Amino acid sequence: MVFTTAESVLEFLKAATHEESSFTLAIATEFTFHGKPDHMGVAMAAVLDAVLGRGFEPDGFEQRDGFRLYRYKMMLG
C-alpha cells in the first residue's frame, strides 16, 4: 500500500501492533497533509514523530517510481 496522506499513515501507525523488529512505509511522491501538498516536510515530521513514539528509528529509504519506501527498525536499548 502506498500512502498518499499523512493522516492515513498516522491512522495506520496508531492501529498497528508492530510485533516485528522492523517495518516499511511506502510514501507517495505527491504526499499531502490536511489536503495540501507537503512542500516543507511537515507531514513527514509528524510521521517520524509517531514512528519514534512507537520505539522505532529510521533505517534508510529507497526511491521507487512514484513513491519512497522508508525502512524503520526497533531502537536498541
PDB file of N, CA and C in Angstrom:
ATOM      1  N   MET A   1       0.843  -1.182   0.000  1.00  0.00           N
ATOM      2  CA  MET A   1       0.000   0.000   0.000  1.00  0.00           C
ATOM      3  C   MET A   1       0.882   1.237   0.000  1.00  0.00           C
ATOM      4  N   VAL A   2       0.621   2.154  -0.905  1.00  0.00           N
ATOM      5  CA  VAL A   2       1.349   3.425  -0.955  1.00  0.00           C
ATOM      6  C   VAL A   2       0.465   4.484  -0.308  1.00  0.00           C
ATOM      7  N   PHE A   3       0.955   5.087   0.743  1.00  0.00           N
ATOM      8  CA  PHE A   3       0.204   6.122   1.456  1.00  0.00           C
ATOM      9  C   PHE A   3       0.317   7.447   0.722  1.00  0.00           C
ATOM     10  N   THR A   4      -0.819   8.135   0.573  1.00  0.00           N
ATOM     11  CA  THR A   4      -0.828   9.423  -0.120  1.00  0.00           C
ATOM     12  C   THR A   4      -1.081  10.587   0.826  1.00  0.00           C
ATOM     13  N   THR A   5      -1.525  10.305   2.047  1.00  0.00           N
ATOM     14  CA  THR A   5      -1.787  11.373   3.017  1.00  0.00           C
ATOM     15  C   THR A   5      -1.128  11.058   4.355  1.00  0.00           C
ATOM     16  N   ALA A   6      -0.732  12.104   5.042  1.00  0.00           N
ATOM     17  CA  ALA A   6      -0.150  11.934   6.374  1.00  0.00           C
ATOM     18  C   ALA A   6      -1.184  11.354   7.331  1.00  0.00           C
ATOM     19  N   GLU A   7      -2.420  11.769   7.172  1.00  0.00           N
ATOM     20  CA  GLU A   7      -3.476  11.286   8.059  1.00  0.00           C
ATOM     21  C   GLU A   7      -3.636   9.768   7.962  1.00  0.00           C
ATOM     22  N   SER A   8      -3.541   9.228   6.756  1.00  0.00           N
ATOM     23  CA  SER A   8      -3.685   7.774   6.598  1.00  0.00           C
ATOM     24  C   SER A   8      -2.515   7.024   7.224  1.00  0.00           C
ATOM     25  N   VAL A   9      -1.317   7.580   7.128  1.00  0.00           N
ATOM     26  CA  VAL A   9      -0.151   6.944   7.762  1.00  0.00           C
ATOM     27  C   VAL A   9      -0.297   6.990   9.281  1.00  0.00           C
ATOM     28  N   LEU A  10      -0.707   8.125   9.804  1.00  0.00           N
ATOM     29  CA  LEU A  10      -0.842   8.264  11.252  1.00  0.00           C
ATOM     30  C   LEU A  10      -1.911   7.319  11.794  1.00  0.00           C
ATOM     31  N   GLU A  11      -3.013   7.136  11.073  1.00  0.00           N
ATOM     32  CA  GLU A  11      -4.044   6.173  11.479  1.00  0.00           C
ATOM     33  C   GLU A  11      -3.484   4.751  11.441  1.00  0.00           C
ATOM     34  N   PHE A  12      -2.732   4.431  10.397  1.00  0.00           N
ATOM     35  CA  PHE A  12      -2.105   3.110  10.293  1.00  0.00           C
ATOM     36  C   PHE A  12      -1.175   2.861  11.473  1.00  0.00           C
ATOM     37  N   LEU A  13      -0.323   3.837  11.792  1.00  0.00           N
ATOM     38  CA  LEU A  13       0.622   3.667  12.895  1.00  0.00           C
ATOM     39  C   LEU A  13      -0.098   3.523  14.229  1.00  0.00           C
ATOM     40  N   LYS A  14      -1.183   4.245  14.408  1.00  0.00           N
ATOM     41  CA  LYS A  14      -1.945   4.173  15.653  1.00  0.00           C
ATOM     42  C   LYS A  14      -2.558   2.783  15.838  1.00  0.00           C
ATOM     43  N   ALA A  15      -3.023   2.186  14.746  1.00  0.00           N
ATOM     44  CA  ALA A  15      -3.701   0.888  14.812  1.00  0.00           C
ATOM     45  C   ALA A  15      -2.749  -0.308  14.764  1.00  0.00           C
ATOM     46  N   ALA A  16      -1.551  -0.115  14.243  1.00  0.00           N
ATOM     47  CA  ALA A  16      -0.619  -1.231  14.039  1.00  0.00           C
ATOM     48  C   ALA A  16      -0.030  -1.710  15.361  1.00  0.00           C
ATOM     49  N   THR A  17       0.247  -3.014  15.424  1.00  0.00           N
ATOM     50  CA  THR A  17       0.853  -3.587  16.631  1.00  0.00           C
ATOM     51  C   THR A  17       2.371  -3.632  16.541  1.00  0.00           C
ATOM     52  N   HIS A  18       2.920  -3.662  15.327  1.00  0.00           N
ATOM     53  CA  HIS A  18       4.372  -3.680  15.098  1.00  0.00           C
ATOM     54  C   HIS A  18       5.073  -4.706  15.982  1.00  0.00           C
ATOM     55  N   GLU A  19       4.688  -5.945  15.822  1.00  0.00           N
ATOM     56  CA  GLU A  19       5.302  -7.021  16.582  1.00  0.00           C
ATOM     57  C   GLU A  19       6.648  -7.420  16.010  1.00  0.00           C
ATOM     58  N   GLU A  20       6.952  -7.003  14.802  1.00  0.00           N
ATOM     59  CA  GLU A  20       8.239  -7.291  14.177  1.00  0.00           C
ATOM     60  C   GLU A  20       9.271  -6.266  14.650  1.00  0.00           C
ATOM     61  N   SER A  21      10.546  -6.538  14.389  1.00  0.00           N
ATOM     62  CA  SER A  21      11.611  -5.605  14.789  1.00  0.00           C
ATOM     63  C   SER A  21      11.874  -4.544  13.730  1.00  0.00           C
ATOM     64  N   SER A  22      11.162  -4.632  12.590  1.00  0.00           N
ATOM     65  CA  SER A  22      11.305  -3.617  11.553  1.00  0.00           C
ATOM     66  C   SER A  22      10.029  -3.579  10.714  1.00  0.00           C
ATOM     67  N   PHE A  23       9.849  -2.478   9.995  1.00  0.00           N
ATOM     68  CA  PHE A  23       8.720  -2.361   9.079  1.00  0.00           C
ATOM     69  C   PHE A  23       9.052  -1.299   8.036  1.00  0.00           C
ATOM     70  N   THR A  24       8.242  -1.232   6.992  1.00  0.00           N
ATOM     71  CA  THR A  24       8.432  -0.248   5.931  1.00  0.00           C
ATOM     72  C   THR A  24       7.137   0.527   5.711  1.00  0.00           C
ATOM     73  N   LEU A  25       7.287   1.737   5.214  1.00  0.00           N
ATOM     74  CA  LEU A  25       6.157   2.563   4.801  1.00  0.00           C
ATOM     75  C   LEU A  25       6.435   3.068   3.394  1.00  0.00           C
ATOM     76  N   ALA A  26       5.491   2.890   2.496  1.00  0.00           N
ATOM     77  CA  ALA A  26       5.590   3.423   1.137  1.00  0.00           C
ATOM     78  C   ALA A  26       4.843   4.755   1.121  1.00  0.00           C
ATOM     79  N   ILE A  27       5.584   5.841   0.865  1.00  0.00           N
ATOM     80  CA  ILE A  27       5.034   7.191   0.896  1.00  0.00           C
ATOM     81  C   ILE A  27       5.058   7.777  -0.512  1.00  0.00           C
ATOM     82  N   ALA A  28       3.888   8.179  -1.000  1.00  0.00           N
ATOM     83  CA  ALA A  28       3.758   8.718  -2.352  1.00  0.00           C
ATOM     84  C   ALA A  28       4.567  10.001  -2.525  1.00  0.00           C
ATOM     85  N   THR A  29       5.055  10.199  -3.726  1.00  0.00           N
ATOM     86  CA  THR A  29       5.774  11.434  -4.053  1.00  0.00           C
ATOM     87  C   THR A  29       4.858  12.641  -3.852  1.00  0.00           C
ATOM     88  N   GLU A  30       3.598  12.493  -4.178  1.00  0.00           N
ATOM     89  CA  GLU A  30       2.605  13.570  -4.026  1.00  0.00           C
ATOM     90  C   GLU A  30       1.898  13.441  -2.673  1.00  0.00           C
ATOM     91  N   PHE A  31       2.659  13.415  -1.589  1.00  0.00           N
ATOM     92  CA  PHE A  31       2.159  13.251  -0.229  1.00  0.00           C
ATOM     93  C   PHE A  31       1.480  14.533   0.227  1.00  0.00           C
ATOM     94  N   THR A  32       0.342  14.406   0.919  1.00  0.00           N
ATOM     95  CA  THR A  32      -0.371  15.596   1.390  1.00  0.00           C
ATOM     96  C   THR A  32      -0.572  15.565   2.898  1.00  0.00           C
ATOM     97  N   PHE A  33      -0.839  16.743   3.440  1.00  0.00           N
ATOM     98  CA  PHE A  33      -1.128  16.927   4.856  1.00  0.00           C
ATOM     99  C   PHE A  33      -2.272  17.928   4.940  1.00  0.00           C
ATOM    100  N   HIS A  34      -3.361  17.542   5.547  1.00  0.00           N
ATOM    101  CA  HIS A  34      -4.576  18.371   5.606  1.00  0.00           C
ATOM    102  C   HIS A  34      -5.035  18.789   4.211  1.00  0.00           C
ATOM    103  N   GLY A  35      -4.912  17.869   3.258  1.00  0.00           N
ATOM    104  CA  GLY A  35      -5.393  18.109   1.910  1.00  0.00           C
ATOM    105  C   GLY A  35      -4.517  18.970   1.022  1.00  0.00           C
ATOM    106  N   LYS A  36      -3.334  19.334   1.508  1.00  0.00           N
ATOM    107  CA  LYS A  36      -2.439  20.197   0.736  1.00  0.00           C
ATOM    108  C   LYS A  36      -1.085  19.514   0.547  1.00  0.00           C
ATOM    109  N   PRO A  37      -0.410  19.795  -0.565  1.00  0.00           N
ATOM    110  CA  PRO A  37       0.930  19.223  -0.788  1.00  0.00           C
ATOM    111  C   PRO A  37       1.877  19.567   0.360  1.00  0.00           C
ATOM    112  N   ASP A  38       2.736  18.645   0.708  1.00  0.00           N
ATOM    113  CA  ASP A  38       3.667  18.820   1.833  1.00  0.00           C
ATOM    114  C   ASP A  38       5.036  19.251   1.323  1.00  0.00           C
ATOM    115  N   HIS A  39       5.145  20.504   0.883  1.00  0.00           N
ATOM    116  CA  HIS A  39       6.410  21.000   0.338  1.00  0.00           C
ATOM    117  C   HIS A  39       7.475  21.223   1.413  1.00  0.00           C
ATOM    118  N   MET A  40       7.063  21.472   2.628  1.00  0.00           N
ATOM    119  CA  MET A  40       8.005  21.778   3.710  1.00  0.00           C
ATOM    120  C   MET A  40       8.438  20.552   4.510  1.00  0.00           C
ATOM    121  N   GLY A  41       7.793  19.408   4.318  1.00  0.00           N
ATOM    122  CA  GLY A  41       8.156  18.208   5.057  1.00  0.00           C
ATOM    123  C   GLY A  41       7.480  18.080   6.406  1.00  0.00           C
ATOM    124  N   VAL A  42       6.472  18.901   6.662  1.00  0.00           N
ATOM    125  CA  VAL A  42       5.770  18.852   7.944  1.00  0.00           C
ATOM    126  C   VAL A  42       5.079  17.503   8.133  1.00  0.00           C
ATOM    127  N   ALA A  43       4.503  16.966   7.065  1.00  0.00           N
ATOM    128  CA  ALA A  43       3.810  15.679   7.163  1.00  0.00           C
ATOM    129  C   ALA A  43       4.783  14.576   7.551  1.00  0.00           C
ATOM    130  N   MET A  44       5.941  14.549   6.915  1.00  0.00           N
ATOM    131  CA  MET A  44       6.922  13.510   7.251  1.00  0.00           C
ATOM    132  C   MET A  44       7.475  13.709   8.659  1.00  0.00           C
ATOM    133  N   ALA A  45       7.545  14.943   9.120  1.00  0.00           N
ATOM    134  CA  ALA A  45       7.967  15.184  10.504  1.00  0.00           C
ATOM    135  C   ALA A  45       6.944  14.603  11.472  1.00  0.00           C
ATOM    136  N   ALA A  46       5.654  14.749  11.166  1.00  0.00           N
ATOM    137  CA  ALA A  46       4.599  14.172  12.004  1.00  0.00           C
ATOM    138  C   ALA A  46       4.669  12.650  11.979  1.00  0.00           C
ATOM    139  N   VAL A  47       4.919  12.081  10.799  1.00  0.00           N
ATOM    140  CA  VAL A  47       5.053  10.627  10.675  1.00  0.00           C
ATOM    141  C   VAL A  47       6.251  10.144  11.497  1.00  0.00           C
ATOM    142  N   LEU A  48       7.383  10.821  11.346  1.00  0.00           N
ATOM    143  CA  LEU A  48       8.582  10.418  12.086  1.00  0.00           C
ATOM    144  C   LEU A  48       8.357  10.510  13.591  1.00  0.00           C
ATOM    145  N   ASP A  49       7.674  11.545  14.038  1.00  0.00           N
ATOM    146  CA  ASP A  49       7.375  11.679  15.462  1.00  0.00           C
ATOM    147  C   ASP A  49       6.558  10.481  15.951  1.00  0.00           C
ATOM    148  N   ALA A  50       5.576  10.062  15.165  1.00  0.00           N
ATOM    149  CA  ALA A  50       4.761   8.903  15.534  1.00  0.00           C
ATOM    150  C   ALA A  50       5.586   7.618  15.531  1.00  0.00           C
ATOM    151  N   VAL A  51       6.474   7.483  14.551  1.00  0.00           N
ATOM    152  CA  VAL A  51       7.337   6.294  14.464  1.00  0.00           C
ATOM    153  C   VAL A  51       8.260   6.235  15.676  1.00  0.00           C
ATOM    154  N   LEU A  52       8.890   7.348  16.006  1.00  0.00           N
ATOM    155  CA  LEU A  52       9.787   7.393  17.162  1.00  0.00           C
ATOM    156  C   LEU A  52       9.025   7.083  18.448  1.00  0.00           C
ATOM    157  N   GLY A  53       7.814   7.584  18.560  1.00  0.00           N
ATOM    158  CA  GLY A  53       6.979   7.334  19.727  1.00  0.00           C
ATOM    159  C   GLY A  53       6.613   5.863  19.900  1.00  0.00           C
ATOM    160  N   ARG A  54       6.674   5.094  18.809  1.00  0.00           N
ATOM    161  CA  ARG A  54       6.401   3.654  18.859  1.00  0.00           C
ATOM    162  C   ARG A  54       7.669   2.841  19.127  1.00  0.00           C
ATOM    163  N   GLY A  55       8.814   3.529  19.290  1.00  0.00           N
ATOM    164  CA  GLY A  55      10.056   2.831  19.625  1.00  0.00           C
ATOM    165  C   GLY A  55      10.873   2.386  18.420  1.00  0.00           C
ATOM    166  N   PHE A  56      10.630   3.010  17.264  1.00  0.00           N
ATOM    167  CA  PHE A  56      11.375   2.684  16.051  1.00  0.00           C
ATOM    168  C   PHE A  56      12.162   3.898  15.586  1.00  0.00           C
ATOM    169  N   GLU A  57      13.179   3.630  14.774  1.00  0.00           N
ATOM    170  CA  GLU A  57      14.007   4.697  14.216  1.00  0.00           C
ATOM    171  C   GLU A  57      14.207   4.453  12.716  1.00  0.00           C
ATOM    172  N   PRO A  58      14.548   5.517  11.972  1.00  0.00           N
ATOM    173  CA  PRO A  58      14.762   5.359  10.530  1.00  0.00           C
ATOM    174  C   PRO A  58      15.915   4.401  10.227  1.00  0.00           C
ATOM    175  N   ASP A  59      15.765   3.676   9.129  1.00  0.00           N
ATOM    176  CA  ASP A  59      16.790   2.728   8.686  1.00  0.00           C
ATOM    177  C   ASP A  59      16.977   2.825   7.167  1.00  0.00           C
ATOM    178  N   GLY A  60      16.859   4.039   6.644  1.00  0.00           N
ATOM    179  CA  GLY A  60      17.084   4.291   5.229  1.00  0.00           C
ATOM    180  C   GLY A  60      15.812   4.269   4.407  1.00  0.00           C
ATOM    181  N   PHE A  61      15.978   4.543   3.109  1.00  0.00           N
ATOM    182  CA  PHE A  61      14.842   4.518   2.199  1.00  0.00           C
ATOM    183  C   PHE A  61      15.331   4.195   0.798  1.00  0.00           C
ATOM    184  N   GLU A  62      14.403   3.814  -0.048  1.00  0.00           N
ATOM    185  CA  GLU A  62      14.675   3.569  -1.463  1.00  0.00           C
ATOM    186  C   GLU A  62      13.714   4.415  -2.278  1.00  0.00           C
ATOM    187  N   GLN A  63      14.239   5.076  -3.300  1.00  0.00           N
ATOM    188  CA  GLN A  63      13.372   5.809  -4.216  1.00  0.00           C
ATOM    189  C   GLN A  63      12.799   4.829  -5.223  1.00  0.00           C
ATOM    190  N   ARG A  64      11.496   4.832  -5.379  1.00  0.00           N
ATOM    191  CA  ARG A  64      10.813   3.985  -6.352  1.00  0.00           C
ATOM    192  C   ARG A  64      10.037   4.894  -7.301  1.00  0.00           C
ATOM    193  N   ASP A  65       9.408   4.303  -8.293  1.00  0.00           N
ATOM    194  CA  ASP A  65       8.637   5.084  -9.254  1.00  0.00           C
ATOM    195  C   ASP A  65       7.348   5.587  -8.604  1.00  0.00           C
ATOM    196  N   GLY A  66       7.304   6.869  -8.255  1.00  0.00           N
ATOM    197  CA  GLY A  66       6.116   7.475  -7.669  1.00  0.00           C
ATOM    198  C   GLY A  66       6.039   7.453  -6.157  1.00  0.00           C
ATOM    199  N   PHE A  67       7.005   6.835  -5.499  1.00  0.00           N
ATOM    200  CA  PHE A  67       6.998   6.801  -4.032  1.00  0.00           C
ATOM    201  C   PHE A  67       8.383   6.473  -3.496  1.00  0.00           C
ATOM    202  N   ARG A  68       8.539   6.693  -2.196  1.00  0.00           N
ATOM    203  CA  ARG A  68       9.736   6.261  -1.475  1.00  0.00           C
ATOM    204  C   ARG A  68       9.319   5.171  -0.502  1.00  0.00           C
ATOM    205  N   LEU A  69      10.181   4.181  -0.355  1.00  0.00           N
ATOM    206  CA  LEU A  69       9.958   3.097   0.582  1.00  0.00           C
ATOM    207  C   LEU A  69      10.868   3.345   1.789  1.00  0.00           C
ATOM    208  N   TYR A  70      10.274   3.825   2.867  1.00  0.00           N
ATOM    209  CA  TYR A  70      11.030   4.131   4.088  1.00  0.00           C
ATOM    210  C   TYR A  70      11.102   2.894   4.969  1.00  0.00           C
ATOM    211  N   ARG A  71      12.305   2.601   5.481  1.00  0.00           N
ATOM    212  CA  ARG A  71      12.509   1.463   6.383  1.00  0.00           C
ATOM    213  C   ARG A  71      12.723   1.990   7.810  1.00  0.00           C
ATOM    214  N   TYR A  72      12.143   1.265   8.752  1.00  0.00           N
ATOM    215  CA  TYR A  72      12.297   1.603  10.174  1.00  0.00           C
ATOM    216  C   TYR A  72      12.661   0.339  10.939  1.00  0.00           C
ATOM    217  N   LYS A  73      13.476   0.504  11.979  1.00  0.00           N
ATOM    218  CA  LYS A  73      13.866  -0.625  12.826  1.00  0.00           C
ATOM    219  C   LYS A  73      13.670  -0.240  14.287  1.00  0.00           C
ATOM    220  N   MET A  74      13.526  -1.258  15.118  1.00  0.00           N
ATOM    221  CA  MET A  74      13.329  -1.044  16.528  1.00  0.00           C
ATOM    222  C   MET A  74      14.583  -0.397  17.135  1.00  0.00           C
ATOM    223  N   MET A  75      14.382   0.546  18.020  1.00  0.00           N
ATOM    224  CA  MET A  75      15.516   1.191  18.688  1.00  0.00           C
ATOM    225  C   MET A  75      16.164   0.214  19.650  1.00  0.00           C
ATOM    226  N   LEU A  76      17.452   0.308  19.771  1.00  0.00           N
ATOM    227  CA  LEU A  76      18.184  -0.550  20.700  1.00  0.00           C
ATOM    228  C   LEU A  76      18.222   0.104  22.073  1.00  0.00           C
ATOM    229  N   GLY A  77      18.150  -0.754  23.091  1.00  0.00           N
ATOM    230  CA  GLY A  77      18.316  -0.352  24.454  1.00  0.00           C
ATOM    231  C   GLY A  77      17.366   0.617  24.939  1.00  0.00           C
TER     232      GLY A  77
END
